[in-house]
Amino acid sequence: MAKSLLIVSALLLAVVASVTAAPTPKKQISFNLCKKSDPNLDKCLKTSIQSVIPDLAEGFPKLRIPAIEPFMLPSLEIDQGKGTSKSVSIDLKLKDVKIMGLTSTVIDSLKIDVDNYKLTGKIGFTKPLEISGQYTVNGKVLVLPITGNGPCNIVLHEPVLELKEVSGSPSQKNGKTFVQINKFELKLVDVKKLNVKLENLFNGNKQLGDSMNSILNENWEVLLEELKPAFEEAVGAIAQDIVNKALQKTAYSDIFPM
């Protein structure tokens, strides 16, 4: 579920980086440039990015920005021991991951420090984020062992993601300034509800599997505390990679003209 949030974070910079690139042949995407000297730069940037997010469903192949509806991931791993919960300790591996709902992103707040290459903000969603794929799990939940592999479905209702700090460093190329992100720190600050469905637990024992799924959903807040540190770390790392690929194509001065 980490990477469901990561690509939304990446949009805040990847969309900006794409403004000077040629649009995809299938559609024209309109993005209003925001001048560096604009006293309302934060508001301008927030409005411009928000307006184009629904059009990014198919991605921007020329900038290596992937499609976000659905957003596909080959794998995701959440290790034991990174969470703060003493009641849950699991090693959860996902593959062939599909994430739905990212085009429902709402930028609640955004603040950019253009001169120091820093960005902070907060993001919400108007639709649940649904993560599906093939899982393998081992560990314990409320002292009970959990093991299994098969299809899974995880739904986050009304998640809120805070960009604590997105910062970069400049470099010169062909007489222009380019920026690469070297820090992408974020936090999942709120989730109203987490639903989990892991099929084929305990080698397909339906009674044990149904009982464990009930326990997971009844104790979703405890489960979330265990999962959060690992997927926040994964979110930041992959968002940083996606944004940097986009920023390699566009000079910083083209993103924020005077």
C-alpha atoms as a PDB file:
ATOM      1  CA  MET A   1       0.000   0.000   0.000  1.00  0.00           C
ATOM      2  CA  ALA A   2       2.990   2.262   0.291  1.00  0.00           C
ATOM      3  CA  LYS A   3       3.280   2.919  -3.343  1.00  0.00           C
ATOM      4  CA  SER A   4      -0.322   3.861  -3.653  1.00  0.00           C
ATOM      5  CA  LEU A   5       0.663   7.004  -1.838  1.00  0.00           C
ATOM      6  CA  LEU A   6       4.027   7.487  -3.373  1.00  0.00           C
ATOM      7  CA  ILE A   7       2.906   8.372  -6.889  1.00  0.00           C
ATOM      8  CA  VAL A   8       0.554  11.028  -5.613  1.00  0.00           C
ATOM      9  CA  SER A   9       3.467  12.678  -3.868  1.00  0.00           C
ATOM     10  CA  ALA A  10       5.498  12.442  -7.041  1.00  0.00           C
ATOM     11  CA  LEU A  11       2.819  14.307  -8.971  1.00  0.00           C
ATOM     12  CA  LEU A  12       3.577  17.511  -7.111  1.00  0.00           C
ATOM     13  CA  LEU A  13       6.930  17.697  -8.873  1.00  0.00           C
ATOM     14  CA  ALA A  14       6.531  15.359 -11.817  1.00  0.00           C
ATOM     15  CA  VAL A  15       3.559  17.304 -13.162  1.00  0.00           C
ATOM     16  CA  VAL A  16       5.517  20.521 -12.901  1.00  0.00           C
ATOM     17  CA  ALA A  17       8.470  18.926 -14.664  1.00  0.00           C
ATOM     18  CA  SER A  18       6.237  17.872 -17.535  1.00  0.00           C
ATOM     19  CA  VAL A  19       4.936  21.323 -18.425  1.00  0.00           C
ATOM     20  CA  THR A  20       7.545  21.981 -21.097  1.00  0.00           C
ATOM     21  CA  ALA A  21       7.468  18.473 -22.532  1.00  0.00           C
ATOM     22  CA  ALA A  22       5.432  17.490 -25.558  1.00  0.00           C
ATOM     23  CA  PRO A  23       2.015  16.104 -24.562  1.00  0.00           C
ATOM     24  CA  THR A  24       1.029  12.568 -25.377  1.00  0.00           C
ATOM     25  CA  PRO A  25      -0.511  12.152 -28.849  1.00  0.00           C
ATOM     26  CA  LYS A  26      -3.787  10.902 -27.406  1.00  0.00           C
ATOM     27  CA  LYS A  27      -4.692  14.123 -25.603  1.00  0.00           C
ATOM     28  CA  GLN A  28      -3.680  17.720 -25.038  1.00  0.00           C
ATOM     29  CA  ILE A  29      -2.971  18.600 -21.422  1.00  0.00           C
ATOM     30  CA  SER A  30      -3.244  22.237 -20.400  1.00  0.00           C
ATOM     31  CA  PHE A  31      -0.990  23.382 -17.564  1.00  0.00           C
ATOM     32  CA  ASN A  32      -0.744  27.011 -16.434  1.00  0.00           C
ATOM     33  CA  LEU A  33       2.855  28.005 -15.731  1.00  0.00           C
ATOM     34  CA  CYS A  34       3.466  29.877 -12.489  1.00  0.00           C
ATOM     35  CA  LYS A  35       6.035  32.651 -12.474  1.00  0.00           C
ATOM     36  CA  LYS A  36       8.710  32.632  -9.810  1.00  0.00           C
ATOM     37  CA  SER A  37       7.923  36.278  -9.032  1.00  0.00           C
ATOM     38  CA  ASP A  38       4.208  35.631  -8.460  1.00  0.00           C
ATOM     39  CA  PRO A  39       3.373  36.698  -4.859  1.00  0.00           C
ATOM     40  CA  ASN A  40       0.725  33.948  -4.865  1.00  0.00           C
ATOM     41  CA  LEU A  41       3.036  31.281  -6.242  1.00  0.00           C
ATOM     42  CA  ASP A  42       1.887  28.576  -3.809  1.00  0.00           C
ATOM     43  CA  LYS A  43      -1.764  29.104  -4.728  1.00  0.00           C
ATOM     44  CA  CYS A  44      -0.989  29.231  -8.451  1.00  0.00           C
ATOM     45  CA  LEU A  45       1.008  26.008  -8.340  1.00  0.00           C
ATOM     46  CA  LYS A  46      -1.604  24.220  -6.251  1.00  0.00           C
ATOM     47  CA  THR A  47      -4.380  25.210  -8.672  1.00  0.00           C
ATOM     48  CA  SER A  48      -2.370  24.292 -11.764  1.00  0.00           C
ATOM     49  CA  ILE A  49      -1.350  20.853 -10.504  1.00  0.00           C
ATOM     50  CA  GLN A  50      -4.833  20.075  -9.195  1.00  0.00           C
ATOM     51  CA  SER A  51      -6.369  20.852 -12.578  1.00  0.00           C
ATOM     52  CA  VAL A  52      -4.142  18.425 -14.470  1.00  0.00           C
ATOM     53  CA  ILE A  53      -4.105  15.411 -12.100  1.00  0.00           C
ATOM     54  CA  PRO A  54      -7.193  13.726 -13.650  1.00  0.00           C
ATOM     55  CA  ASP A  55      -5.488  13.890 -17.060  1.00  0.00           C
ATOM     56  CA  LEU A  56      -2.477  11.907 -15.823  1.00  0.00           C
ATOM     57  CA  ALA A  57      -4.311   8.591 -15.756  1.00  0.00           C
ATOM     58  CA  GLU A  58      -2.350   7.408 -18.795  1.00  0.00           C
ATOM     59  CA  GLY A  59       1.002   8.827 -17.634  1.00  0.00           C
ATOM     60  CA  PHE A  60       3.735  10.576 -19.624  1.00  0.00           C
ATOM     61  CA  PRO A  61       5.986   7.957 -21.265  1.00  0.00           C
ATOM     62  CA  LYS A  62       8.420  10.561 -22.633  1.00  0.00           C
ATOM     63  CA  LEU A  63       9.170  11.638 -19.076  1.00  0.00           C
ATOM     64  CA  ARG A  64       9.008   8.067 -17.757  1.00  0.00           C
ATOM     65  CA  ILE A  65       6.035   9.028 -15.576  1.00  0.00           C
ATOM     66  CA  PRO A  66       3.854   5.900 -15.273  1.00  0.00           C
ATOM     67  CA  ALA A  67       0.095   5.720 -15.623  1.00  0.00           C
ATOM     68  CA  ILE A  68      -1.613   6.391 -12.297  1.00  0.00           C
ATOM     69  CA  GLU A  69      -5.050   4.837 -12.938  1.00  0.00           C
ATOM     70  CA  PRO A  70      -4.376   2.127 -12.207  1.00  0.00           C
ATOM     71  CA  PHE A  71      -0.852   2.469 -10.890  1.00  0.00           C
ATOM     72  CA  MET A  72       1.053  -0.782 -11.364  1.00  0.00           C
ATOM     73  CA  LEU A  73       3.936  -2.017  -9.216  1.00  0.00           C
ATOM     74  CA  PRO A  74       5.939  -5.207  -9.668  1.00  0.00           C
ATOM     75  CA  SER A  75       6.436  -5.693  -5.928  1.00  0.00           C
ATOM     76  CA  LEU A  76       6.247  -4.218  -2.436  1.00  0.00           C
ATOM     77  CA  GLU A  77       7.743  -5.567   0.770  1.00  0.00           C
ATOM     78  CA  ILE A  78       6.991  -4.615   4.376  1.00  0.00           C
ATOM     79  CA  ASP A  79       9.488  -6.086   6.825  1.00  0.00           C
ATOM     80  CA  GLN A  80       8.927  -7.136  10.403  1.00  0.00           C
ATOM     81  CA  GLY A  81      10.153  -4.917  13.176  1.00  0.00           C
ATOM     82  CA  LYS A  82       9.773  -1.475  11.572  1.00  0.00           C
ATOM     83  CA  GLY A  83       6.442  -0.691  13.175  1.00  0.00           C
ATOM     84  CA  THR A  84       5.718   0.545  16.698  1.00  0.00           C
ATOM     85  CA  SER A  85       2.985  -1.962  17.529  1.00  0.00           C
ATOM     86  CA  LYS A  86       3.784  -4.738  19.985  1.00  0.00           C
ATOM     87  CA  SER A  87       0.604  -6.600  19.042  1.00  0.00           C
ATOM     88  CA  VAL A  88       1.373  -7.037  15.335  1.00  0.00           C
ATOM     89  CA  SER A  89       4.601  -8.149  13.706  1.00  0.00           C
ATOM     90  CA  ILE A  90       4.381  -9.299  10.109  1.00  0.00           C
ATOM     91  CA  ASP A  91       6.523  -9.748   7.036  1.00  0.00           C
ATOM     92  CA  LEU A  92       4.237  -8.882   4.121  1.00  0.00           C
ATOM     93  CA  LYS A  93       5.352  -9.189   0.500  1.00  0.00           C
ATOM     94  CA  LEU A  94       3.166  -8.131  -2.425  1.00  0.00           C
ATOM     95  CA  LYS A  95       3.683  -8.639  -6.141  1.00  0.00           C
ATOM     96  CA  ASP A  96       1.752  -7.692  -9.287  1.00  0.00           C
ATOM     97  CA  VAL A  97       0.323  -4.759  -7.353  1.00  0.00           C
ATOM     98  CA  LYS A  98      -2.507  -2.634  -8.781  1.00  0.00           C
ATOM     99  CA  ILE A  99      -3.603   0.625  -7.121  1.00  0.00           C
ATOM    100  CA  MET A 100      -6.874   2.383  -7.902  1.00  0.00           C
ATOM    101  CA  GLY A 101      -8.056   5.842  -6.872  1.00  0.00           C
ATOM    102  CA  LEU A 102      -5.011   8.049  -7.407  1.00  0.00           C
ATOM    103  CA  THR A 103      -6.752  10.379  -9.845  1.00  0.00           C
ATOM    104  CA  SER A 104      -8.989  11.430  -6.942  1.00  0.00           C
ATOM    105  CA  THR A 105      -6.063  13.306  -5.381  1.00  0.00           C
ATOM    106  CA  VAL A 106      -6.915  16.606  -3.682  1.00  0.00           C
ATOM    107  CA  ILE A 107      -4.076  18.969  -2.782  1.00  0.00           C
ATOM    108  CA  ASP A 108      -5.067  20.399   0.586  1.00  0.00           C
ATOM    109  CA  SER A 109      -2.019  22.641   0.942  1.00  0.00           C
ATOM    110  CA  LEU A 110       1.231  23.353  -0.858  1.00  0.00           C
ATOM    111  CA  LYS A 111       4.231  25.536  -0.073  1.00  0.00           C
ATOM    112  CA  ILE A 112       7.297  25.835  -2.276  1.00  0.00           C
ATOM    113  CA  ASP A 113      10.644  27.498  -1.603  1.00  0.00           C
ATOM    114  CA  VAL A 114      11.845  27.993  -5.178  1.00  0.00           C
ATOM    115  CA  ASP A 115      15.245  29.457  -4.319  1.00  0.00           C
ATOM    116  CA  ASN A 116      16.124  26.660  -1.897  1.00  0.00           C
ATOM    117  CA  TYR A 117      14.531  23.827  -3.906  1.00  0.00           C
ATOM    118  CA  LYS A 118      12.119  22.730  -1.179  1.00  0.00           C
ATOM    119  CA  LEU A 119       8.477  21.698  -1.155  1.00  0.00           C
ATOM    120  CA  THR A 120       6.007  20.825   1.610  1.00  0.00           C
ATOM    121  CA  GLY A 121       2.304  20.079   1.482  1.00  0.00           C
ATOM    122  CA  LYS A 122      -0.646  17.903   2.396  1.00  0.00           C
ATOM    123  CA  ILE A 123      -2.704  15.619   0.133  1.00  0.00           C
ATOM    124  CA  GLY A 124      -6.066  13.924   0.496  1.00  0.00           C
ATOM    125  CA  PHE A 125      -8.336  11.803  -1.698  1.00  0.00           C
ATOM    126  CA  THR A 126     -12.008  11.931  -2.632  1.00  0.00           C
ATOM    127  CA  LYS A 127     -12.126   8.169  -3.233  1.00  0.00           C
ATOM    128  CA  PRO A 128     -10.723   5.205  -1.300  1.00  0.00           C
ATOM    129  CA  LEU A 129      -7.331   3.898  -2.366  1.00  0.00           C
ATOM    130  CA  GLU A 130      -7.651   0.237  -3.290  1.00  0.00           C
ATOM    131  CA  ILE A 131      -4.561  -1.980  -3.487  1.00  0.00           C
ATOM    132  CA  SER A 132      -4.775  -5.470  -4.937  1.00  0.00           C
ATOM    133  CA  GLY A 133      -2.197  -8.104  -5.821  1.00  0.00           C
ATOM    134  CA  GLN A 134      -0.640 -11.392  -4.785  1.00  0.00           C
ATOM    135  CA  TYR A 135       0.670 -11.580  -1.226  1.00  0.00           C
ATOM    136  CA  THR A 136       2.853 -13.709   1.016  1.00  0.00           C
ATOM    137  CA  VAL A 137       2.657 -13.140   4.770  1.00  0.00           C
ATOM    138  CA  ASN A 138       4.327 -14.512   7.884  1.00  0.00           C
ATOM    139  CA  GLY A 139       4.289 -13.236  11.453  1.00  0.00           C
ATOM    140  CA  LYS A 140       1.887 -12.767  14.325  1.00  0.00           C
ATOM    141  CA  VAL A 141      -1.237 -10.743  15.088  1.00  0.00           C
ATOM    142  CA  LEU A 142      -2.297 -10.420  18.738  1.00  0.00           C
ATOM    143  CA  VAL A 143       0.026 -13.355  19.591  1.00  0.00           C
ATOM    144  CA  LEU A 144      -1.681 -15.506  16.927  1.00  0.00           C
ATOM    145  CA  PRO A 145       0.474 -16.759  14.045  1.00  0.00           C
ATOM    146  CA  ILE A 146      -0.414 -15.671  10.532  1.00  0.00           C
ATOM    147  CA  THR A 147       0.785 -17.321   7.349  1.00  0.00           C
ATOM    148  CA  GLY A 148      -0.470 -17.613   3.807  1.00  0.00           C
ATOM    149  CA  ASN A 149      -0.213 -16.574   0.187  1.00  0.00           C
ATOM    150  CA  GLY A 150      -2.681 -15.676  -2.543  1.00  0.00           C
ATOM    151  CA  PRO A 151      -4.817 -12.745  -3.725  1.00  0.00           C
ATOM    152  CA  CYS A 152      -5.216  -9.742  -1.441  1.00  0.00           C
ATOM    153  CA  ASN A 153      -7.216  -6.539  -1.326  1.00  0.00           C
ATOM    154  CA  ILE A 154      -6.418  -3.568   0.921  1.00  0.00           C
ATOM    155  CA  VAL A 155      -8.548  -0.407   1.017  1.00  0.00           C
ATOM    156  CA  LEU A 156      -7.609   2.875   2.706  1.00  0.00           C
ATOM    157  CA  HIS A 157     -10.537   5.208   3.343  1.00  0.00           C
ATOM    158  CA  GLU A 158      -9.871   8.954   3.364  1.00  0.00           C
ATOM    159  CA  PRO A 159      -6.085   8.790   3.737  1.00  0.00           C
ATOM    160  CA  VAL A 160      -4.154  12.012   4.282  1.00  0.00           C
ATOM    161  CA  LEU A 161      -0.503  12.258   3.321  1.00  0.00           C
ATOM    162  CA  GLU A 162       1.816  15.012   4.550  1.00  0.00           C
ATOM    163  CA  LEU A 163       4.922  15.931   2.584  1.00  0.00           C
ATOM    164  CA  LYS A 164       7.226  16.799   5.454  1.00  0.00           C
ATOM    165  CA  GLU A 165      10.083  17.830   3.198  1.00  0.00           C
ATOM    166  CA  VAL A 166      10.878  17.353  -0.462  1.00  0.00           C
ATOM    167  CA  SER A 167      14.249  18.955  -1.180  1.00  0.00           C
ATOM    168  CA  GLY A 168      16.780  18.932  -3.966  1.00  0.00           C
ATOM    169  CA  SER A 169      20.129  20.246  -5.136  1.00  0.00           C
ATOM    170  CA  PRO A 170      20.990  22.117  -8.355  1.00  0.00           C
ATOM    171  CA  SER A 171      23.480  21.296 -11.081  1.00  0.00           C
ATOM    172  CA  GLN A 172      24.421  22.943 -14.361  1.00  0.00           C
ATOM    173  CA  LYS A 173      24.007  21.405 -17.804  1.00  0.00           C
ATOM    174  CA  ASN A 174      24.265  23.185 -21.158  1.00  0.00           C
ATOM    175  CA  GLY A 175      24.119  26.537 -19.409  1.00  0.00           C
ATOM    176  CA  LYS A 176      20.902  25.719 -17.550  1.00  0.00           C
ATOM    177  CA  THR A 177      20.090  24.755 -13.970  1.00  0.00           C
ATOM    178  CA  PHE A 178      18.645  21.297 -13.350  1.00  0.00           C
ATOM    179  CA  VAL A 179      17.501  19.966  -9.978  1.00  0.00           C
ATOM    180  CA  GLN A 180      17.605  16.464  -8.540  1.00  0.00           C
ATOM    181  CA  ILE A 181      15.666  15.483  -5.414  1.00  0.00           C
ATOM    182  CA  ASN A 182      17.842  14.091  -2.612  1.00  0.00           C
ATOM    183  CA  LYS A 183      15.247  13.959   0.175  1.00  0.00           C
ATOM    184  CA  PHE A 184      11.619  12.848   0.056  1.00  0.00           C
ATOM    185  CA  GLU A 185      10.218  12.652   3.571  1.00  0.00           C
ATOM    186  CA  LEU A 186       6.517  12.054   4.066  1.00  0.00           C
ATOM    187  CA  LYS A 187       4.052  10.796   6.647  1.00  0.00           C
ATOM    188  CA  LEU A 188       0.673   9.117   6.495  1.00  0.00           C
ATOM    189  CA  VAL A 189      -1.049  11.331   9.052  1.00  0.00           C
ATOM    190  CA  ASP A 190      -4.619  10.060   8.904  1.00  0.00           C
ATOM    191  CA  VAL A 191      -6.750   7.143   7.677  1.00  0.00           C
ATOM    192  CA  LYS A 192     -10.435   6.882   8.590  1.00  0.00           C
ATOM    193  CA  LYS A 193     -10.636   3.132   8.011  1.00  0.00           C
ATOM    194  CA  LEU A 194      -8.515   0.270   6.692  1.00  0.00           C
ATOM    195  CA  ASN A 195     -10.110  -2.848   5.178  1.00  0.00           C
ATOM    196  CA  VAL A 196      -8.046  -5.969   4.523  1.00  0.00           C
ATOM    197  CA  LYS A 197      -8.891  -9.205   2.720  1.00  0.00           C
ATOM    198  CA  LEU A 198      -6.198 -11.894   2.498  1.00  0.00           C
ATOM    199  CA  GLU A 199      -7.372 -14.992   0.660  1.00  0.00           C
ATOM    200  CA  ASN A 200      -5.943 -18.489   1.132  1.00  0.00           C
ATOM    201  CA  LEU A 201      -4.574 -17.942   4.617  1.00  0.00           C
ATOM    202  CA  PHE A 202      -3.330 -21.041   6.485  1.00  0.00           C
ATOM    203  CA  ASN A 203      -3.091 -23.153   3.322  1.00  0.00           C
ATOM    204  CA  GLY A 204      -6.697 -22.446   2.377  1.00  0.00           C
ATOM    205  CA  ASN A 205      -8.299 -23.243   5.748  1.00  0.00           C
ATOM    206  CA  LYS A 206     -11.464 -21.147   5.352  1.00  0.00           C
ATOM    207  CA  GLN A 207     -12.438 -21.103   9.012  1.00  0.00           C
ATOM    208  CA  LEU A 208      -9.015 -19.971  10.203  1.00  0.00           C
ATOM    209  CA  GLY A 209      -8.686 -17.557   7.284  1.00  0.00           C
ATOM    210  CA  ASP A 210     -12.057 -15.916   7.919  1.00  0.00           C
ATOM    211  CA  SER A 211     -11.244 -15.584  11.610  1.00  0.00           C
ATOM    212  CA  MET A 212      -7.884 -13.957  10.918  1.00  0.00           C
ATOM    213  CA  ASN A 213      -9.376 -11.533   8.389  1.00  0.00           C
ATOM    214  CA  SER A 214     -11.965 -10.551  10.989  1.00  0.00           C
ATOM    215  CA  ILE A 215      -9.218  -9.974  13.557  1.00  0.00           C
ATOM    216  CA  LEU A 216      -7.216  -7.857  11.099  1.00  0.00           C
ATOM    217  CA  ASN A 217     -10.210  -5.675  10.244  1.00  0.00           C
ATOM    218  CA  GLU A 218     -11.331  -5.315  13.847  1.00  0.00           C
ATOM    219  CA  ASN A 219      -7.814  -4.237  14.804  1.00  0.00           C
ATOM    220  CA  TRP A 220      -7.017  -2.220  11.670  1.00  0.00           C
ATOM    221  CA  GLU A 221      -5.546   0.714  13.630  1.00  0.00           C
ATOM    222  CA  VAL A 222      -2.995  -1.595  15.258  1.00  0.00           C
ATOM    223  CA  LEU A 223      -2.191  -3.151  11.885  1.00  0.00           C
ATOM    224  CA  LEU A 224      -1.752   0.279  10.320  1.00  0.00           C
ATOM    225  CA  GLU A 225       0.761   1.324  12.969  1.00  0.00           C
ATOM    226  CA  GLU A 226       2.849  -1.707  12.078  1.00  0.00           C
ATOM    227  CA  LEU A 227       2.705  -1.026   8.349  1.00  0.00           C
ATOM    228  CA  LYS A 228       3.161   2.762   8.313  1.00  0.00           C
ATOM    229  CA  PRO A 229       6.944   3.142   8.813  1.00  0.00           C
ATOM    230  CA  ALA A 230       7.818   0.651   6.098  1.00  0.00           C
ATOM    231  CA  PHE A 231       5.462   2.007   3.474  1.00  0.00           C
ATOM    232  CA  GLU A 232       6.336   5.643   4.259  1.00  0.00           C
ATOM    233  CA  GLU A 233       9.952   4.717   3.590  1.00  0.00           C
ATOM    234  CA  ALA A 234       9.040   2.946   0.370  1.00  0.00           C
ATOM    235  CA  VAL A 235       6.818   5.837  -0.715  1.00  0.00           C
ATOM    236  CA  GLY A 236       9.619   8.341  -0.347  1.00  0.00           C
ATOM    237  CA  ALA A 237      12.230   6.251  -2.127  1.00  0.00           C
ATOM    238  CA  ILE A 238      10.138   5.452  -5.174  1.00  0.00           C
ATOM    239  CA  ALA A 239       8.561   8.914  -5.406  1.00  0.00           C
ATOM    240  CA  GLN A 240      12.064  10.370  -5.380  1.00  0.00           C
ATOM    241  CA  ASP A 241      13.098   8.090  -8.230  1.00  0.00           C
ATOM    242  CA  ILE A 242      10.052   8.961 -10.366  1.00  0.00           C
ATOM    243  CA  VAL A 243      10.394  12.703  -9.790  1.00  0.00           C
ATOM    244  CA  ASN A 244      14.108  12.684 -10.585  1.00  0.00           C
ATOM    245  CA  LYS A 245      13.482  10.904 -13.879  1.00  0.00           C
ATOM    246  CA  ALA A 246      11.019  13.651 -14.809  1.00  0.00           C
ATOM    247  CA  LEU A 247      13.301  16.482 -13.653  1.00  0.00           C
ATOM    248  CA  GLN A 248      16.161  15.184 -15.794  1.00  0.00           C
ATOM    249  CA  LYS A 249      14.159  16.300 -18.824  1.00  0.00           C
ATOM    250  CA  THR A 250      13.329  19.861 -17.792  1.00  0.00           C
ATOM    251  CA  ALA A 251      15.441  22.823 -16.673  1.00  0.00           C
ATOM    252  CA  TYR A 252      14.405  24.427 -13.390  1.00  0.00           C
ATOM    253  CA  SER A 253      14.134  27.857 -15.010  1.00  0.00           C
ATOM    254  CA  ASP A 254      11.623  26.428 -17.509  1.00  0.00           C
ATOM    255  CA  ILE A 255       9.471  25.147 -14.665  1.00  0.00           C
ATOM    256  CA  PHE A 256       9.451  28.497 -12.836  1.00  0.00           C
ATOM    257  CA  PRO A 257      10.004  31.346 -15.326  1.00  0.00           C
ATOM    258  CA  MET A 258      10.596  34.848 -14.014  1.00  0.00           C
END
